[in-house]
Structures are given as structure tokens and as C-alpha cells.
N, C-alpha and C. Protein backbone atom coordinates (compact mmCIF):
# COMPACT_ATOMS: atom_id res chain seq x y z
N MET A 1 108.68 118.07 93.29
CA MET A 1 107.29 118.37 92.98
C MET A 1 106.59 118.71 94.27
N GLY A 2 106.17 119.90 94.45
CA GLY A 2 105.58 120.34 95.69
C GLY A 2 104.09 120.46 95.62
N GLY A 3 103.44 121.30 96.36
CA GLY A 3 102.05 121.59 96.56
C GLY A 3 101.01 120.81 95.78
N ASP A 4 99.75 121.03 96.11
CA ASP A 4 98.64 120.30 95.51
C ASP A 4 98.60 120.41 94.00
N SER A 5 98.75 121.62 93.48
CA SER A 5 98.58 121.79 92.04
C SER A 5 99.88 121.52 91.29
N GLN A 6 101.00 121.46 91.96
CA GLN A 6 102.27 121.28 91.28
C GLN A 6 102.71 119.82 91.20
N GLY A 7 102.57 119.07 92.29
CA GLY A 7 103.06 117.70 92.31
C GLY A 7 101.97 116.70 92.03
N MET A 8 102.39 115.45 91.95
CA MET A 8 101.41 114.40 91.74
C MET A 8 100.62 114.17 93.02
N HIS A 9 99.40 113.84 92.88
CA HIS A 9 98.47 113.53 93.95
C HIS A 9 98.94 112.24 94.63
N SER A 10 99.17 112.25 95.94
CA SER A 10 99.75 111.10 96.65
C SER A 10 99.02 109.78 96.41
N PRO A 11 97.68 109.73 96.52
CA PRO A 11 97.02 108.45 96.23
C PRO A 11 97.27 107.98 94.80
N THR A 12 97.43 108.90 93.88
CA THR A 12 97.72 108.54 92.49
C THR A 12 99.07 107.85 92.40
N VAL A 13 100.06 108.38 93.08
CA VAL A 13 101.40 107.79 93.08
C VAL A 13 101.34 106.40 93.70
N ILE A 14 100.66 106.28 94.82
CA ILE A 14 100.57 104.99 95.51
C ILE A 14 99.86 103.95 94.63
N LEU A 15 98.73 104.33 94.04
CA LEU A 15 98.00 103.39 93.18
C LEU A 15 98.81 102.99 91.96
N GLY A 16 99.47 103.95 91.34
CA GLY A 16 100.30 103.64 90.17
C GLY A 16 101.47 102.74 90.53
N ALA A 17 102.14 103.04 91.64
CA ALA A 17 103.28 102.24 92.07
C ALA A 17 102.85 100.82 92.46
N CYS A 18 101.73 100.70 93.15
CA CYS A 18 101.22 99.36 93.52
C CYS A 18 100.87 98.56 92.28
N ARG A 19 100.26 99.22 91.32
CA ARG A 19 99.89 98.54 90.07
C ARG A 19 101.16 98.04 89.37
N LEU A 20 102.22 98.85 89.34
CA LEU A 20 103.49 98.42 88.74
C LEU A 20 104.09 97.24 89.50
N ALA A 21 104.04 97.29 90.83
CA ALA A 21 104.60 96.20 91.64
C ALA A 21 103.85 94.89 91.41
N VAL A 22 102.53 94.94 91.40
CA VAL A 22 101.73 93.74 91.17
C VAL A 22 101.98 93.21 89.76
N GLY A 23 102.00 94.09 88.78
CA GLY A 23 102.25 93.68 87.41
C GLY A 23 103.62 93.04 87.25
N GLY A 24 104.62 93.65 87.87
CA GLY A 24 105.96 93.09 87.80
C GLY A 24 106.04 91.72 88.45
N ALA A 25 105.36 91.56 89.59
CA ALA A 25 105.35 90.27 90.28
C ALA A 25 104.67 89.20 89.44
N PHE A 26 103.54 89.53 88.83
CA PHE A 26 102.83 88.56 87.99
C PHE A 26 103.65 88.19 86.77
N LEU A 27 104.36 89.15 86.22
CA LEU A 27 105.17 88.88 85.04
C LEU A 27 106.41 88.07 85.40
N ALA A 28 107.07 88.41 86.50
CA ALA A 28 108.30 87.73 86.91
C ALA A 28 108.04 86.37 87.55
N PHE A 29 106.94 86.23 88.28
CA PHE A 29 106.64 85.01 89.02
C PHE A 29 105.19 84.55 88.75
N PRO A 30 104.90 84.19 87.52
CA PRO A 30 103.51 83.88 87.18
C PRO A 30 102.94 82.68 87.94
N VAL A 31 103.71 81.64 88.10
CA VAL A 31 103.19 80.44 88.78
C VAL A 31 102.95 80.75 90.25
N ALA A 32 103.90 81.40 90.90
CA ALA A 32 103.74 81.75 92.32
C ALA A 32 102.57 82.70 92.52
N SER A 33 102.36 83.61 91.57
CA SER A 33 101.25 84.56 91.68
C SER A 33 99.91 83.84 91.66
N VAL A 34 99.77 82.84 90.80
CA VAL A 34 98.53 82.08 90.73
C VAL A 34 98.40 81.17 91.95
N ARG A 35 99.52 80.64 92.42
CA ARG A 35 99.50 79.77 93.60
C ARG A 35 99.00 80.52 94.83
N LEU A 36 99.19 81.84 94.88
CA LEU A 36 98.70 82.63 96.02
C LEU A 36 97.19 82.50 96.20
N LEU A 37 96.49 82.17 95.12
CA LEU A 37 95.04 81.98 95.20
C LEU A 37 94.66 80.58 95.68
N GLY A 38 95.67 79.74 95.91
CA GLY A 38 95.41 78.39 96.36
C GLY A 38 95.22 77.40 95.23
N VAL A 39 95.64 77.78 94.03
CA VAL A 39 95.56 76.90 92.88
C VAL A 39 96.73 75.92 92.96
N ASP A 40 96.50 74.64 92.62
CA ASP A 40 97.58 73.64 92.68
C ASP A 40 98.69 73.98 91.69
N SER A 41 99.88 73.45 91.94
CA SER A 41 101.06 73.78 91.14
C SER A 41 100.90 73.46 89.66
N ALA A 42 100.34 72.30 89.34
CA ALA A 42 100.18 71.92 87.93
C ALA A 42 99.24 72.88 87.20
N SER A 43 98.13 73.20 87.83
CA SER A 43 97.18 74.14 87.21
C SER A 43 97.78 75.54 87.11
N ALA A 44 98.51 75.94 88.15
CA ALA A 44 99.15 77.26 88.13
C ALA A 44 100.16 77.36 86.99
N ALA A 45 100.90 76.28 86.77
CA ALA A 45 101.87 76.27 85.66
C ALA A 45 101.15 76.39 84.32
N ARG A 46 100.02 75.71 84.19
CA ARG A 46 99.25 75.80 82.94
C ARG A 46 98.64 77.20 82.75
N MET A 47 98.41 77.89 83.84
CA MET A 47 97.80 79.23 83.78
C MET A 47 98.83 80.35 83.75
N SER A 48 100.11 80.02 83.69
CA SER A 48 101.15 81.05 83.77
C SER A 48 101.02 82.09 82.66
N TRP A 49 100.55 81.68 81.49
CA TRP A 49 100.37 82.64 80.38
C TRP A 49 99.34 83.69 80.76
N LEU A 50 98.29 83.28 81.47
CA LEU A 50 97.25 84.22 81.88
C LEU A 50 97.78 85.18 82.93
N ALA A 51 98.60 84.66 83.84
CA ALA A 51 99.20 85.53 84.86
C ALA A 51 100.12 86.55 84.21
N ARG A 52 100.88 86.12 83.22
CA ARG A 52 101.76 87.07 82.51
C ARG A 52 100.94 88.13 81.79
N MET A 53 99.83 87.71 81.19
CA MET A 53 98.95 88.66 80.51
C MET A 53 98.43 89.70 81.50
N ALA A 54 98.00 89.24 82.67
CA ALA A 54 97.53 90.15 83.71
C ALA A 54 98.66 91.06 84.19
N GLY A 55 99.87 90.51 84.25
CA GLY A 55 101.02 91.31 84.67
C GLY A 55 101.29 92.45 83.72
N VAL A 56 101.26 92.16 82.43
CA VAL A 56 101.49 93.22 81.44
C VAL A 56 100.37 94.26 81.51
N ARG A 57 99.14 93.80 81.70
CA ARG A 57 98.01 94.72 81.84
C ARG A 57 98.23 95.66 83.03
N ASP A 58 98.65 95.10 84.17
CA ASP A 58 98.87 95.92 85.35
C ASP A 58 100.05 96.87 85.17
N LEU A 59 101.11 96.41 84.51
CA LEU A 59 102.23 97.31 84.22
C LEU A 59 101.79 98.47 83.34
N ALA A 60 100.99 98.18 82.33
CA ALA A 60 100.51 99.24 81.44
C ALA A 60 99.62 100.24 82.18
N LEU A 61 98.73 99.73 83.02
CA LEU A 61 97.86 100.63 83.79
C LEU A 61 98.67 101.47 84.77
N GLY A 62 99.61 100.85 85.46
CA GLY A 62 100.45 101.60 86.40
C GLY A 62 101.26 102.68 85.70
N ALA A 63 101.85 102.32 84.55
CA ALA A 63 102.61 103.30 83.78
C ALA A 63 101.71 104.42 83.28
N GLY A 64 100.49 104.08 82.90
CA GLY A 64 99.54 105.10 82.45
C GLY A 64 99.18 106.07 83.55
N ILE A 65 98.95 105.53 84.75
CA ILE A 65 98.61 106.39 85.89
C ILE A 65 99.77 107.32 86.22
N LEU A 66 100.95 106.74 86.38
CA LEU A 66 102.11 107.55 86.75
C LEU A 66 102.54 108.47 85.62
N GLY A 67 102.49 107.97 84.40
CA GLY A 67 102.89 108.78 83.25
C GLY A 67 102.00 109.99 83.06
N ALA A 68 100.70 109.80 83.23
CA ALA A 68 99.77 110.93 83.10
C ALA A 68 100.03 111.96 84.19
N GLY A 69 100.33 111.48 85.38
CA GLY A 69 100.61 112.41 86.48
C GLY A 69 101.91 113.16 86.27
N VAL A 70 102.96 112.45 85.84
CA VAL A 70 104.26 113.09 85.62
C VAL A 70 104.17 114.09 84.47
N ALA A 71 103.45 113.71 83.42
CA ALA A 71 103.31 114.60 82.26
C ALA A 71 102.32 115.73 82.54
N ARG A 72 101.69 115.67 83.71
CA ARG A 72 100.70 116.67 84.13
C ARG A 72 99.57 116.75 83.11
N ARG A 73 99.11 115.56 82.67
CA ARG A 73 98.04 115.50 81.70
C ARG A 73 96.75 115.01 82.30
N GLY A 74 96.71 114.85 83.59
CA GLY A 74 95.49 114.44 84.25
C GLY A 74 95.31 112.94 84.29
N PRO A 75 95.61 112.32 85.42
CA PRO A 75 95.51 110.87 85.53
C PRO A 75 94.09 110.35 85.80
N VAL A 76 93.07 111.20 85.74
CA VAL A 76 91.72 110.78 86.09
C VAL A 76 91.25 109.61 85.23
N SER A 77 91.44 109.68 83.93
CA SER A 77 91.01 108.59 83.04
C SER A 77 91.75 107.30 83.35
N ALA A 78 93.04 107.39 83.59
CA ALA A 78 93.83 106.20 83.92
C ALA A 78 93.41 105.63 85.27
N LEU A 79 93.10 106.49 86.23
CA LEU A 79 92.63 106.02 87.54
C LEU A 79 91.29 105.31 87.40
N LEU A 80 90.40 105.86 86.60
CA LEU A 80 89.09 105.23 86.40
C LEU A 80 89.23 103.88 85.68
N ALA A 81 90.09 103.81 84.68
CA ALA A 81 90.31 102.55 83.97
C ALA A 81 90.87 101.50 84.93
N SER A 82 91.81 101.90 85.75
CA SER A 82 92.41 100.99 86.73
C SER A 82 91.37 100.52 87.75
N ALA A 83 90.53 101.44 88.21
CA ALA A 83 89.50 101.09 89.18
C ALA A 83 88.48 100.12 88.58
N LEU A 84 88.12 100.33 87.34
CA LEU A 84 87.18 99.41 86.68
C LEU A 84 87.78 98.01 86.53
N VAL A 85 89.05 97.94 86.18
CA VAL A 85 89.74 96.64 86.07
C VAL A 85 89.76 95.96 87.43
N ASP A 86 90.08 96.72 88.48
CA ASP A 86 90.11 96.14 89.83
C ASP A 86 88.73 95.65 90.26
N ALA A 87 87.69 96.40 89.92
CA ALA A 87 86.33 95.99 90.26
C ALA A 87 85.97 94.68 89.54
N ALA A 88 86.35 94.58 88.27
CA ALA A 88 86.10 93.34 87.53
C ALA A 88 86.89 92.19 88.13
N ASP A 89 88.16 92.43 88.46
CA ASP A 89 88.98 91.40 89.10
C ASP A 89 88.31 90.92 90.39
N ALA A 90 87.83 91.85 91.20
CA ALA A 90 87.18 91.50 92.47
C ALA A 90 85.97 90.61 92.22
N ALA A 91 85.16 90.97 91.26
CA ALA A 91 83.95 90.19 90.96
C ALA A 91 84.30 88.79 90.47
N PHE A 92 85.23 88.68 89.54
CA PHE A 92 85.54 87.38 88.97
C PHE A 92 86.29 86.47 89.93
N VAL A 93 87.15 87.03 90.76
CA VAL A 93 87.84 86.21 91.77
C VAL A 93 86.84 85.77 92.84
N ALA A 94 85.91 86.63 93.21
CA ALA A 94 84.88 86.25 94.19
C ALA A 94 84.02 85.10 93.64
N ILE A 95 83.68 85.17 92.36
CA ILE A 95 82.91 84.09 91.74
C ILE A 95 83.73 82.80 91.73
N ALA A 96 85.02 82.90 91.40
CA ALA A 96 85.89 81.72 91.40
C ALA A 96 85.98 81.12 92.80
N ALA A 97 86.04 81.96 93.82
CA ALA A 97 86.08 81.47 95.20
C ALA A 97 84.76 80.80 95.57
N ARG A 98 83.67 81.42 95.19
CA ARG A 98 82.35 80.84 95.46
C ARG A 98 82.20 79.47 94.82
N ASP A 99 82.70 79.35 93.61
CA ASP A 99 82.58 78.10 92.85
C ASP A 99 83.70 77.11 93.15
N ALA A 100 84.54 77.42 94.15
CA ALA A 100 85.66 76.57 94.58
C ALA A 100 86.67 76.31 93.47
N ARG A 101 86.83 77.26 92.56
CA ARG A 101 87.85 77.14 91.51
C ARG A 101 89.21 77.58 92.05
N VAL A 102 89.18 78.37 93.12
CA VAL A 102 90.39 78.76 93.87
C VAL A 102 90.07 78.54 95.34
N ASP A 103 91.09 78.56 96.18
CA ASP A 103 90.88 78.44 97.61
C ASP A 103 89.92 79.54 98.06
N ARG A 104 88.88 79.17 98.78
CA ARG A 104 87.84 80.15 99.14
C ARG A 104 88.38 81.31 99.97
N VAL A 105 89.15 81.02 100.99
CA VAL A 105 89.67 82.09 101.86
C VAL A 105 90.61 83.00 101.09
N ARG A 106 91.56 82.40 100.39
CA ARG A 106 92.52 83.21 99.61
C ARG A 106 91.80 83.97 98.50
N GLY A 107 90.85 83.33 97.85
CA GLY A 107 90.11 83.99 96.79
C GLY A 107 89.31 85.18 97.30
N LEU A 108 88.62 84.97 98.42
CA LEU A 108 87.84 86.08 98.98
C LEU A 108 88.74 87.20 99.48
N ALA A 109 89.89 86.84 100.06
CA ALA A 109 90.84 87.88 100.50
C ALA A 109 91.34 88.68 99.30
N THR A 110 91.62 87.98 98.21
CA THR A 110 92.06 88.66 96.99
C THR A 110 90.95 89.54 96.42
N ALA A 111 89.72 89.04 96.45
CA ALA A 111 88.59 89.82 95.96
C ALA A 111 88.39 91.08 96.80
N VAL A 112 88.53 90.94 98.11
CA VAL A 112 88.39 92.12 98.99
C VAL A 112 89.50 93.12 98.70
N ALA A 113 90.74 92.64 98.51
CA ALA A 113 91.85 93.54 98.20
C ALA A 113 91.62 94.25 96.87
N ALA A 114 91.13 93.52 95.87
CA ALA A 114 90.85 94.13 94.57
C ALA A 114 89.72 95.15 94.67
N ALA A 115 88.69 94.83 95.46
CA ALA A 115 87.59 95.78 95.67
C ALA A 115 88.09 97.04 96.38
N ALA A 116 88.99 96.86 97.35
CA ALA A 116 89.56 98.02 98.05
C ALA A 116 90.38 98.87 97.09
N ALA A 117 91.15 98.23 96.22
CA ALA A 117 91.92 98.98 95.23
C ALA A 117 91.00 99.73 94.27
N ALA A 118 89.90 99.08 93.88
CA ALA A 118 88.93 99.75 93.01
C ALA A 118 88.36 100.98 93.72
N GLY A 119 87.98 100.79 94.97
CA GLY A 119 87.45 101.92 95.74
C GLY A 119 88.45 103.05 95.85
N ALA A 120 89.71 102.70 96.11
CA ALA A 120 90.75 103.73 96.22
C ALA A 120 90.93 104.46 94.89
N GLY A 121 90.85 103.75 93.78
CA GLY A 121 90.97 104.39 92.48
C GLY A 121 89.83 105.33 92.19
N PHE A 122 88.62 104.90 92.51
CA PHE A 122 87.45 105.77 92.31
C PHE A 122 87.53 107.00 93.20
N VAL A 123 87.95 106.81 94.45
CA VAL A 123 88.07 107.94 95.38
C VAL A 123 89.14 108.92 94.91
N ALA A 124 90.29 108.39 94.47
CA ALA A 124 91.37 109.27 94.00
C ALA A 124 90.92 110.06 92.77
N ALA A 125 90.22 109.41 91.84
CA ALA A 125 89.73 110.11 90.65
C ALA A 125 88.71 111.18 91.04
N ALA A 126 87.79 110.83 91.94
CA ALA A 126 86.78 111.81 92.38
C ALA A 126 87.44 112.99 93.08
N ASP A 127 88.46 112.71 93.88
CA ASP A 127 89.16 113.79 94.58
C ASP A 127 89.84 114.73 93.59
N LEU A 128 90.48 114.17 92.57
CA LEU A 128 91.11 115.02 91.56
C LEU A 128 90.08 115.86 90.82
N LEU A 129 88.94 115.25 90.49
CA LEU A 129 87.88 116.01 89.83
C LEU A 129 87.34 117.12 90.72
N ARG A 130 87.16 116.81 92.01
CA ARG A 130 86.69 117.81 92.97
C ARG A 130 87.68 118.97 93.07
N ARG A 131 88.96 118.63 93.14
CA ARG A 131 90.00 119.67 93.22
C ARG A 131 89.98 120.54 91.97
N GLY A 132 89.77 119.90 90.82
CA GLY A 132 89.72 120.64 89.57
C GLY A 132 88.55 121.60 89.52
N ARG A 133 87.39 121.14 89.99
CA ARG A 133 86.21 122.02 90.02
C ARG A 133 86.42 123.18 90.97
N ALA A 134 87.00 122.89 92.14
CA ALA A 134 87.25 123.96 93.11
C ALA A 134 88.23 124.98 92.55
N ALA A 135 89.27 124.50 91.89
CA ALA A 135 90.26 125.40 91.30
C ALA A 135 89.66 126.20 90.15
N ALA A 136 88.81 125.54 89.35
CA ALA A 136 88.18 126.23 88.23
C ALA A 136 87.26 127.34 88.72
N SER A 137 86.55 127.08 89.83
CA SER A 137 85.68 128.13 90.35
C SER A 137 86.48 129.26 90.94
N ALA A 138 87.73 128.98 91.30
CA ALA A 138 88.62 130.03 91.81
C ALA A 138 89.41 130.68 90.68
N GLY A 139 89.22 130.18 89.46
CA GLY A 139 89.88 130.79 88.31
C GLY A 139 91.14 130.09 87.83
N ALA A 140 91.50 128.96 88.40
CA ALA A 140 92.70 128.24 87.98
C ALA A 140 92.42 126.74 87.94
N VAL A 141 93.11 126.05 87.06
CA VAL A 141 92.98 124.59 86.99
C VAL A 141 94.35 124.01 87.35
N PRO A 142 94.39 123.20 88.42
CA PRO A 142 95.67 122.62 88.79
C PRO A 142 96.26 121.79 87.66
N GLU A 143 97.58 121.87 87.50
CA GLU A 143 98.25 121.12 86.44
C GLU A 143 98.02 119.63 86.56
N ALA A 144 97.82 119.13 87.77
CA ALA A 144 97.68 117.68 87.99
C ALA A 144 96.44 117.10 87.36
N ILE A 145 95.44 117.94 86.99
CA ILE A 145 94.24 117.38 86.38
C ILE A 145 94.00 117.88 84.97
N ARG A 146 94.90 118.67 84.43
CA ARG A 146 94.75 119.14 83.05
C ARG A 146 94.85 118.00 82.08
N ARG A 147 94.21 118.15 80.96
CA ARG A 147 94.28 117.13 79.89
C ARG A 147 95.14 117.64 78.78
């Protein structure tokens, strides 16, 4: 897959692959994933179902992002959905850190990472839309953003 209009947009591939990796980790290692936030082992074990749920959500979003790009159907909607989920994750983990429901440092670090992922998703979607508008004004629509 070559050039801008022919291949998948690099940030799209990175975001989709990262989403798959995080989802796979949460699904395969739910207790360890929750423990990364500084939650005690007993609570993390009780929350493993929630971690698995988040893992499946992330796998679905990652597959949606990559699948839309591979099918050349325009990953903009999937990127925006992923960015909104990351923004919500950032907000709720930050609140949990503030309320000492998770380790404050680990929680805030996770919230910052989720906010950065949200920002990257919004930027990637905006870039694809900008490319589409530029191509449309030139008389062509790149396959990477077609619906």
C-alpha cells in the first residue's frame, strides 16, 4: 500500500494497532491491567470482569479503525469514536485519581495517556477530513477517506 491516497494513513494504523494491543492486554491479563492503576490485588481480581469488558471494547474499536482503513471505507468515524472513548476514559480515570479510588500518580499518568490518545485520534480524523477536502477541490477523493 503506497502513497497518501492509496495506503492507510500512518497515524490511523498506529492508533488502531495500539488499541488492539491495549485491548488484548486487558483481555488476557485483566487483573494485572487493573493493578497498573495501583488498585490492590483483591479489588483488581473483583474488577477483572470490567477489565475484560474494556478489553473487548478496545479490540472492537481497533478492528474498526484498521478494518475501515483496509477496506478503504474511511476510518474517520471509527477514529472519532475511539477518540471520544479515550476522552471519557481520561476524564473518569482522572476523577478516580482525584478521589483516591486508584493510585493518584498512576491514575493521573493513565489519564494523561488517554487524553493524548484522544488528541491523536481527533488529529488523525481531522487530517483525513482535510486531505479529503483538498482532494475533492482538486477533483479526486482519496480512497482512504471514502465511505
